[in-house]
Amino acid sequence: MSDRDKLVAETDRDVKRLEEKRRQPATLIGIVFYGGTLGLLFVVPIVAGAYLGRWLDSLAAGYSVRWTMSLIVLGIAVGAYNAYRFLRDRS
């Protein structure tokens, strides 16, 4: 058996294993990790925007929540985009 034949046989074997793995149902731990990752991708930009906005508002004179609200809304948009890209790349 030549090197080329060995390579083709090993590649076929690997492709069959990957196809079998794809057909198997997702495990509970896999679903938990998937959901956790998706949640973090959405929540972290919102929380970061809130903290950054609160810090910027504390630098301004008087009472203001302008930066906090603006950066929370921006965090929601960024989090939604992150979740969309994650779901698009995984499907």
N, C-alpha and C. Protein backbone atom coordinates (compact mmCIF):
# COMPACT_ATOMS: atom_id res chain seq x y z
N MET A 1 0.85 -1.17 0.00
CA MET A 1 0.00 0.00 0.00
C MET A 1 0.89 1.24 0.00
N SER A 2 0.65 2.13 -0.93
CA SER A 2 1.49 3.32 -1.06
C SER A 2 1.08 4.37 -0.02
N ASP A 3 1.93 5.38 0.10
CA ASP A 3 1.64 6.47 1.04
C ASP A 3 0.35 7.19 0.67
N ARG A 4 0.12 7.34 -0.61
CA ARG A 4 -1.10 8.02 -1.06
C ARG A 4 -2.34 7.23 -0.67
N ASP A 5 -2.29 5.92 -0.82
CA ASP A 5 -3.42 5.06 -0.45
C ASP A 5 -3.67 5.09 1.06
N LYS A 6 -2.59 5.11 1.83
CA LYS A 6 -2.73 5.21 3.28
C LYS A 6 -3.40 6.53 3.67
N LEU A 7 -2.96 7.60 3.04
CA LEU A 7 -3.52 8.91 3.33
C LEU A 7 -5.01 8.96 2.98
N VAL A 8 -5.38 8.42 1.86
CA VAL A 8 -6.79 8.40 1.44
C VAL A 8 -7.61 7.56 2.41
N ALA A 9 -7.08 6.41 2.82
CA ALA A 9 -7.81 5.53 3.75
C ALA A 9 -7.99 6.22 5.11
N GLU A 10 -6.95 6.85 5.62
CA GLU A 10 -7.05 7.54 6.90
C GLU A 10 -8.00 8.73 6.81
N THR A 11 -7.98 9.44 5.72
CA THR A 11 -8.88 10.58 5.54
C THR A 11 -10.33 10.11 5.48
N ASP A 12 -10.60 9.01 4.76
CA ASP A 12 -11.94 8.45 4.71
C ASP A 12 -12.42 8.04 6.10
N ARG A 13 -11.54 7.40 6.85
CA ARG A 13 -11.88 6.99 8.22
C ARG A 13 -12.22 8.20 9.08
N ASP A 14 -11.42 9.26 8.99
CA ASP A 14 -11.66 10.47 9.77
C ASP A 14 -12.97 11.15 9.37
N VAL A 15 -13.27 11.18 8.10
CA VAL A 15 -14.51 11.79 7.63
C VAL A 15 -15.71 11.01 8.15
N LYS A 16 -15.63 9.68 8.13
CA LYS A 16 -16.73 8.85 8.65
C LYS A 16 -16.94 9.08 10.14
N ARG A 17 -15.83 9.19 10.90
CA ARG A 17 -15.96 9.45 12.34
C ARG A 17 -16.59 10.81 12.60
N LEU A 18 -16.21 11.81 11.84
CA LEU A 18 -16.79 13.14 12.02
C LEU A 18 -18.28 13.15 11.68
N GLU A 19 -18.66 12.44 10.63
CA GLU A 19 -20.08 12.37 10.27
C GLU A 19 -20.88 11.65 11.34
N GLU A 20 -20.33 10.57 11.91
CA GLU A 20 -21.01 9.86 12.99
C GLU A 20 -21.16 10.75 14.22
N LYS A 21 -20.13 11.51 14.53
CA LYS A 21 -20.17 12.41 15.68
C LYS A 21 -21.22 13.51 15.48
N ARG A 22 -21.35 14.01 14.27
CA ARG A 22 -22.32 15.06 13.97
C ARG A 22 -23.75 14.55 14.10
N ARG A 23 -23.98 13.28 13.79
CA ARG A 23 -25.33 12.71 13.86
C ARG A 23 -25.75 12.37 15.27
N GLN A 24 -24.79 12.22 16.19
CA GLN A 24 -25.13 11.89 17.57
C GLN A 24 -25.81 13.08 18.23
N PRO A 25 -26.77 12.82 19.11
CA PRO A 25 -27.45 13.93 19.80
C PRO A 25 -26.49 14.65 20.74
N ALA A 26 -26.79 15.91 20.96
CA ALA A 26 -25.95 16.72 21.84
C ALA A 26 -26.08 16.22 23.28
N THR A 27 -25.00 16.27 24.01
CA THR A 27 -25.03 15.87 25.41
C THR A 27 -25.49 17.04 26.27
N LEU A 28 -25.88 16.74 27.48
CA LEU A 28 -26.34 17.78 28.40
C LEU A 28 -25.23 18.79 28.68
N ILE A 29 -24.03 18.31 28.90
CA ILE A 29 -22.92 19.22 29.19
C ILE A 29 -22.61 20.10 27.98
N GLY A 30 -22.75 19.55 26.78
CA GLY A 30 -22.54 20.35 25.57
C GLY A 30 -23.57 21.45 25.45
N ILE A 31 -24.82 21.14 25.77
CA ILE A 31 -25.88 22.14 25.71
C ILE A 31 -25.66 23.23 26.75
N VAL A 32 -25.22 22.83 27.94
CA VAL A 32 -24.95 23.81 29.01
C VAL A 32 -23.82 24.75 28.60
N PHE A 33 -22.74 24.20 28.06
CA PHE A 33 -21.62 25.05 27.62
C PHE A 33 -22.03 25.97 26.48
N TYR A 34 -22.82 25.46 25.56
CA TYR A 34 -23.29 26.26 24.42
C TYR A 34 -24.14 27.42 24.92
N GLY A 35 -25.08 27.12 25.81
CA GLY A 35 -25.94 28.18 26.37
C GLY A 35 -25.16 29.17 27.21
N GLY A 36 -24.19 28.67 27.98
CA GLY A 36 -23.37 29.56 28.80
C GLY A 36 -22.52 30.49 27.96
N THR A 37 -21.96 29.97 26.91
CA THR A 37 -21.16 30.80 26.00
C THR A 37 -22.03 31.86 25.34
N LEU A 38 -23.20 31.45 24.89
CA LEU A 38 -24.12 32.39 24.26
C LEU A 38 -24.53 33.48 25.25
N GLY A 39 -24.82 33.10 26.48
CA GLY A 39 -25.20 34.07 27.50
C GLY A 39 -24.08 35.06 27.80
N LEU A 40 -22.86 34.55 27.93
CA LEU A 40 -21.73 35.44 28.20
C LEU A 40 -21.48 36.41 27.04
N LEU A 41 -21.62 35.90 25.82
CA LEU A 41 -21.42 36.78 24.67
C LEU A 41 -22.43 37.91 24.65
N PHE A 42 -23.60 37.69 25.19
CA PHE A 42 -24.63 38.72 25.21
C PHE A 42 -24.51 39.64 26.42
N VAL A 43 -24.23 39.09 27.59
CA VAL A 43 -24.28 39.85 28.84
C VAL A 43 -23.03 40.68 29.10
N VAL A 44 -21.86 40.18 28.76
CA VAL A 44 -20.62 40.89 29.09
C VAL A 44 -20.56 42.29 28.48
N PRO A 45 -20.92 42.51 27.21
CA PRO A 45 -20.89 43.88 26.70
C PRO A 45 -21.88 44.81 27.40
N ILE A 46 -23.01 44.29 27.85
CA ILE A 46 -24.00 45.11 28.56
C ILE A 46 -23.44 45.55 29.91
N VAL A 47 -22.88 44.61 30.64
CA VAL A 47 -22.32 44.93 31.96
C VAL A 47 -21.12 45.87 31.82
N ALA A 48 -20.28 45.62 30.84
CA ALA A 48 -19.12 46.50 30.62
C ALA A 48 -19.59 47.91 30.26
N GLY A 49 -20.62 48.02 29.44
CA GLY A 49 -21.17 49.34 29.10
C GLY A 49 -21.73 50.05 30.31
N ALA A 50 -22.41 49.30 31.19
CA ALA A 50 -22.97 49.91 32.41
C ALA A 50 -21.87 50.44 33.32
N TYR A 51 -20.84 49.64 33.53
CA TYR A 51 -19.75 50.09 34.40
C TYR A 51 -18.99 51.27 33.80
N LEU A 52 -18.68 51.20 32.53
CA LEU A 52 -17.98 52.31 31.89
C LEU A 52 -18.83 53.57 31.89
N GLY A 53 -20.12 53.43 31.59
CA GLY A 53 -21.02 54.58 31.61
C GLY A 53 -21.15 55.18 33.00
N ARG A 54 -21.25 54.34 34.01
CA ARG A 54 -21.35 54.85 35.39
C ARG A 54 -20.09 55.61 35.76
N TRP A 55 -18.93 55.10 35.37
CA TRP A 55 -17.68 55.79 35.68
C TRP A 55 -17.62 57.13 34.95
N LEU A 56 -18.01 57.16 33.68
CA LEU A 56 -18.00 58.43 32.95
C LEU A 56 -19.00 59.41 33.53
N ASP A 57 -20.16 58.93 33.96
CA ASP A 57 -21.15 59.82 34.59
C ASP A 57 -20.65 60.37 35.92
N SER A 58 -19.85 59.60 36.63
CA SER A 58 -19.33 60.09 37.91
C SER A 58 -18.32 61.22 37.72
N LEU A 59 -17.72 61.29 36.53
CA LEU A 59 -16.77 62.37 36.25
C LEU A 59 -17.47 63.68 35.92
N ALA A 60 -18.73 63.59 35.49
CA ALA A 60 -19.49 64.79 35.12
C ALA A 60 -20.04 65.47 36.37
N ALA A 61 -20.17 66.79 36.29
CA ALA A 61 -20.73 67.54 37.42
C ALA A 61 -22.24 67.33 37.46
N GLY A 62 -22.77 67.18 38.67
CA GLY A 62 -24.21 66.98 38.80
C GLY A 62 -24.60 65.53 38.60
N TYR A 63 -25.91 65.32 38.59
CA TYR A 63 -26.42 63.97 38.43
C TYR A 63 -26.72 63.71 36.96
N SER A 64 -26.13 62.65 36.43
CA SER A 64 -26.34 62.33 35.03
C SER A 64 -26.30 60.83 34.84
N VAL A 65 -27.16 60.32 33.97
CA VAL A 65 -27.12 58.91 33.60
C VAL A 65 -27.02 58.78 32.09
N ARG A 66 -26.62 59.88 31.46
CA ARG A 66 -26.57 59.89 30.00
C ARG A 66 -25.60 58.84 29.46
N TRP A 67 -24.38 58.79 29.98
CA TRP A 67 -23.40 57.83 29.49
C TRP A 67 -23.81 56.40 29.85
N THR A 68 -24.33 56.24 31.05
CA THR A 68 -24.72 54.89 31.48
C THR A 68 -25.78 54.32 30.55
N MET A 69 -26.83 55.06 30.29
CA MET A 69 -27.90 54.57 29.43
C MET A 69 -27.41 54.36 28.00
N SER A 70 -26.63 55.29 27.51
CA SER A 70 -26.13 55.17 26.13
C SER A 70 -25.26 53.93 25.97
N LEU A 71 -24.38 53.69 26.92
CA LEU A 71 -23.48 52.54 26.79
C LEU A 71 -24.17 51.22 27.09
N ILE A 72 -25.23 51.23 27.89
CA ILE A 72 -26.02 50.01 28.07
C ILE A 72 -26.71 49.65 26.75
N VAL A 73 -27.30 50.63 26.09
CA VAL A 73 -27.95 50.38 24.79
C VAL A 73 -26.92 49.90 23.77
N LEU A 74 -25.75 50.52 23.77
CA LEU A 74 -24.68 50.06 22.88
C LEU A 74 -24.26 48.64 23.23
N GLY A 75 -24.20 48.32 24.52
CA GLY A 75 -23.86 46.97 24.96
C GLY A 75 -24.89 45.95 24.51
N ILE A 76 -26.17 46.33 24.52
CA ILE A 76 -27.22 45.43 24.03
C ILE A 76 -27.02 45.16 22.55
N ALA A 77 -26.72 46.20 21.79
CA ALA A 77 -26.50 46.03 20.35
C ALA A 77 -25.28 45.16 20.08
N VAL A 78 -24.19 45.40 20.79
CA VAL A 78 -22.97 44.61 20.60
C VAL A 78 -23.21 43.16 21.04
N GLY A 79 -23.90 42.96 22.16
CA GLY A 79 -24.19 41.61 22.63
C GLY A 79 -25.07 40.85 21.65
N ALA A 80 -26.07 41.52 21.09
CA ALA A 80 -26.94 40.87 20.10
C ALA A 80 -26.14 40.49 18.86
N TYR A 81 -25.25 41.36 18.44
CA TYR A 81 -24.41 41.06 17.28
C TYR A 81 -23.48 39.89 17.57
N ASN A 82 -22.90 39.86 18.77
CA ASN A 82 -22.03 38.74 19.15
C ASN A 82 -22.81 37.43 19.12
N ALA A 83 -24.00 37.43 19.71
CA ALA A 83 -24.81 36.21 19.74
C ALA A 83 -25.20 35.78 18.33
N TYR A 84 -25.57 36.74 17.49
CA TYR A 84 -25.93 36.43 16.11
C TYR A 84 -24.77 35.78 15.37
N ARG A 85 -23.57 36.36 15.51
CA ARG A 85 -22.41 35.80 14.81
C ARG A 85 -22.05 34.42 15.34
N PHE A 86 -22.17 34.23 16.65
CA PHE A 86 -21.90 32.93 17.25
C PHE A 86 -22.86 31.88 16.70
N LEU A 87 -24.14 32.20 16.68
CA LEU A 87 -25.14 31.25 16.18
C LEU A 87 -24.98 31.00 14.69
N ARG A 88 -24.65 32.04 13.94
CA ARG A 88 -24.46 31.89 12.50
C ARG A 88 -23.26 31.00 12.18
N ASP A 89 -22.19 31.18 12.91
CA ASP A 89 -20.97 30.39 12.66
C ASP A 89 -21.12 28.94 13.11
N ARG A 90 -21.96 28.68 14.09
CA ARG A 90 -22.14 27.32 14.61
C ARG A 90 -23.14 26.50 13.82
N SER A 91 -24.01 27.14 13.06
CA SER A 91 -25.02 26.36 12.33
C SER A 91 -24.62 26.10 10.90
